[in-house]
C-alpha atoms as a PDB file:
ATOM      1  CA  UNK A   1       0.000   0.000   0.000  1.00  0.00           C
ATOM      2  CA  UNK A   2       2.894   2.352   0.550  1.00  0.00           C
ATOM      3  CA  UNK A   3       4.133   1.887  -3.017  1.00  0.00           C
ATOM      4  CA  UNK A   4       1.306   3.843  -4.761  1.00  0.00           C
ATOM      5  CA  UNK A   5       1.594   6.619  -2.191  1.00  0.00           C
ATOM      6  CA  UNK A   6       5.373   6.763  -2.641  1.00  0.00           C
ATOM      7  CA  UNK A   7       5.009   6.844  -6.416  1.00  0.00           C
ATOM      8  CA  UNK A   8       2.469   9.672  -6.192  1.00  0.00           C
ATOM      9  CA  UNK A   9       4.770  11.646  -3.885  1.00  0.00           C
ATOM     10  CA  UNK A  10       7.701  11.059  -6.236  1.00  0.00           C
ATOM     11  CA  UNK A  11       5.657  12.193  -9.256  1.00  0.00           C
ATOM     12  CA  UNK A  12       4.524  15.323  -7.429  1.00  0.00           C
ATOM     13  CA  UNK A  13       8.109  16.138  -6.436  1.00  0.00           C
ATOM     14  CA  UNK A  14       9.278  15.656 -10.026  1.00  0.00           C
ATOM     15  CA  UNK A  15       6.572  17.981 -11.351  1.00  0.00           C
ATOM     16  CA  UNK A  16       7.372  20.639  -8.758  1.00  0.00           C
ATOM     17  CA  UNK A  17      11.110  20.544  -9.455  1.00  0.00           C
ATOM     18  CA  UNK A  18      10.486  20.640 -13.208  1.00  0.00           C
ATOM     19  CA  UNK A  19       8.342  23.745 -12.836  1.00  0.00           C
ATOM     20  CA  UNK A  20      11.004  25.382 -10.668  1.00  0.00           C
ATOM     21  CA  UNK A  21      13.708  24.619 -13.231  1.00  0.00           C
ATOM     22  CA  UNK A  22      11.590  25.996 -16.075  1.00  0.00           C
ATOM     23  CA  UNK A  23      10.991  29.191 -14.146  1.00  0.00           C
ATOM     24  CA  UNK A  24      14.703  29.551 -13.351  1.00  0.00           C
ATOM     25  CA  UNK A  25      15.525  29.062 -17.049  1.00  0.00           C
ATOM     26  CA  UNK A  26      13.067  31.827 -18.030  1.00  0.00           C
ATOM     27  CA  UNK A  27      14.816  34.230 -15.669  1.00  0.00           C
ATOM     28  CA  UNK A  28      18.067  33.781 -17.611  1.00  0.00           C
ATOM     29  CA  UNK A  29      16.501  34.938 -20.874  1.00  0.00           C
ATOM     30  CA  UNK A  30      16.644  38.703 -21.500  1.00  0.00           C
ATOM     31  CA  UNK A  31      13.292  40.411 -21.647  1.00  0.00           C
ATOM     32  CA  UNK A  32      13.168  42.443 -24.861  1.00  0.00           C
ATOM     33  CA  UNK A  33      10.716  44.865 -23.286  1.00  0.00           C
ATOM     34  CA  UNK A  34      13.017  45.552 -20.318  1.00  0.00           C
ATOM     35  CA  UNK A  35      15.892  46.850 -22.454  1.00  0.00           C
ATOM     36  CA  UNK A  36      14.821  48.703 -25.581  1.00  0.00           C
ATOM     37  CA  UNK A  37      17.116  48.650 -28.614  1.00  0.00           C
ATOM     38  CA  UNK A  38      19.452  51.634 -28.648  1.00  0.00           C
ATOM     39  CA  UNK A  39      21.367  53.409 -31.412  1.00  0.00           C
ATOM     40  CA  UNK A  40      24.163  55.964 -31.602  1.00  0.00           C
ATOM     41  CA  UNK A  41      22.902  59.452 -32.326  1.00  0.00           C
ATOM     42  CA  UNK A  42      25.430  62.101 -33.339  1.00  0.00           C
ATOM     43  CA  UNK A  43      25.095  65.802 -32.612  1.00  0.00           C
ATOM     44  CA  UNK A  44      22.597  65.605 -29.751  1.00  0.00           C
ATOM     45  CA  UNK A  45      24.820  65.426 -26.655  1.00  0.00           C
ATOM     46  CA  UNK A  46      25.483  68.346 -24.350  1.00  0.00           C
ATOM     47  CA  UNK A  47      29.108  69.252 -23.526  1.00  0.00           C
ATOM     48  CA  UNK A  48      30.651  66.555 -21.342  1.00  0.00           C
ATOM     49  CA  UNK A  49      27.533  64.355 -21.563  1.00  0.00           C
ATOM     50  CA  UNK A  50      28.336  62.273 -24.659  1.00  0.00           C
ATOM     51  CA  UNK A  51      28.498  58.494 -24.464  1.00  0.00           C
ATOM     52  CA  UNK A  52      31.641  58.236 -26.628  1.00  0.00           C
ATOM     53  CA  UNK A  53      33.546  59.355 -29.752  1.00  0.00           C
ATOM     54  CA  UNK A  54      34.113  63.054 -29.257  1.00  0.00           C
ATOM     55  CA  UNK A  55      36.769  63.542 -31.915  1.00  0.00           C
ATOM     56  CA  UNK A  56      40.536  64.068 -31.950  1.00  0.00           C
ATOM     57  CA  UNK A  57      42.150  64.816 -28.612  1.00  0.00           C
ATOM     58  CA  UNK A  58      39.378  63.187 -26.581  1.00  0.00           C
ATOM     59  CA  UNK A  59      39.221  59.734 -25.095  1.00  0.00           C
ATOM     60  CA  UNK A  60      35.589  58.739 -24.871  1.00  0.00           C
ATOM     61  CA  UNK A  61      32.510  59.253 -22.676  1.00  0.00           C
ATOM     62  CA  UNK A  62      32.031  62.690 -21.161  1.00  0.00           C
ATOM     63  CA  UNK A  63      34.754  64.340 -23.248  1.00  0.00           C
ATOM     64  CA  UNK A  64      32.810  66.434 -25.757  1.00  0.00           C
ATOM     65  CA  UNK A  65      33.858  70.078 -25.563  1.00  0.00           C
ATOM     66  CA  UNK A  66      30.671  71.766 -26.751  1.00  0.00           C
ATOM     67  CA  UNK A  67      26.923  71.251 -26.885  1.00  0.00           C
ATOM     68  CA  UNK A  68      25.665  69.321 -29.927  1.00  0.00           C
ATOM     69  CA  UNK A  69      29.217  68.499 -31.094  1.00  0.00           C
ATOM     70  CA  UNK A  70      28.780  66.745 -34.447  1.00  0.00           C
ATOM     71  CA  UNK A  71      31.322  63.991 -33.894  1.00  0.00           C
ATOM     72  CA  UNK A  72      30.138  62.953 -30.423  1.00  0.00           C
ATOM     73  CA  UNK A  73      27.211  60.632 -29.867  1.00  0.00           C
ATOM     74  CA  UNK A  74      24.654  59.653 -27.293  1.00  0.00           C
ATOM     75  CA  UNK A  75      22.718  56.379 -27.067  1.00  0.00           C
ATOM     76  CA  UNK A  76      19.024  56.973 -27.782  1.00  0.00           C
ATOM     77  CA  UNK A  77      16.105  54.554 -28.288  1.00  0.00           C
ATOM     78  CA  UNK A  78      16.280  52.995 -31.761  1.00  0.00           C
ATOM     79  CA  UNK A  79      14.312  54.883 -34.375  1.00  0.00           C
ATOM     80  CA  UNK A  80      14.292  58.223 -32.545  1.00  0.00           C
ATOM     81  CA  UNK A  81      17.642  59.779 -33.495  1.00  0.00           C
ATOM     82  CA  UNK A  82      16.710  61.585 -36.688  1.00  0.00           C
ATOM     83  CA  UNK A  83      13.624  63.087 -35.040  1.00  0.00           C
ATOM     84  CA  UNK A  84      15.617  64.767 -32.234  1.00  0.00           C
ATOM     85  CA  UNK A  85      15.727  68.507 -32.943  1.00  0.00           C
ATOM     86  CA  UNK A  86      18.622  70.622 -31.675  1.00  0.00           C
ATOM     87  CA  UNK A  87      19.563  74.281 -32.243  1.00  0.00           C
ATOM     88  CA  UNK A  88      22.002  72.982 -34.886  1.00  0.00           C
ATOM     89  CA  UNK A  89      19.545  70.753 -36.726  1.00  0.00           C
ATOM     90  CA  UNK A  90      18.403  67.160 -36.336  1.00  0.00           C
ATOM     91  CA  UNK A  91      20.219  64.217 -34.781  1.00  0.00           C
ATOM     92  CA  UNK A  92      22.163  62.025 -37.182  1.00  0.00           C
ATOM     93  CA  UNK A  93      23.085  58.348 -37.402  1.00  0.00           C
ATOM     94  CA  UNK A  94      26.448  59.416 -38.904  1.00  0.00           C
ATOM     95  CA  UNK A  95      28.970  61.964 -37.556  1.00  0.00           C
ATOM     96  CA  UNK A  96      28.126  65.551 -38.482  1.00  0.00           C
ATOM     97  CA  UNK A  97      30.818  67.965 -39.670  1.00  0.00           C
ATOM     98  CA  UNK A  98      30.995  70.769 -37.125  1.00  0.00           C
END
């Protein structure tokens, strides 16, 4: 009589551990909605606020010397760059000659 009860308990334990493993596996997968796609947008960063590439004589992030410097970029949500308006024009997916 203990055998059917033991088998039922074993089956229940297997189902519970399988569900836990499936849930743990889902947590490893990146959620596309949590991190939107980003793109480099040139000419939209304020002085010292660029993400990288601020031209000759600079090293990287935070090194742009002037607002809206054409060869410095900022990460923006994908698809929004060319609609960003600045006093010098629109954002660009390619470096802008200053």
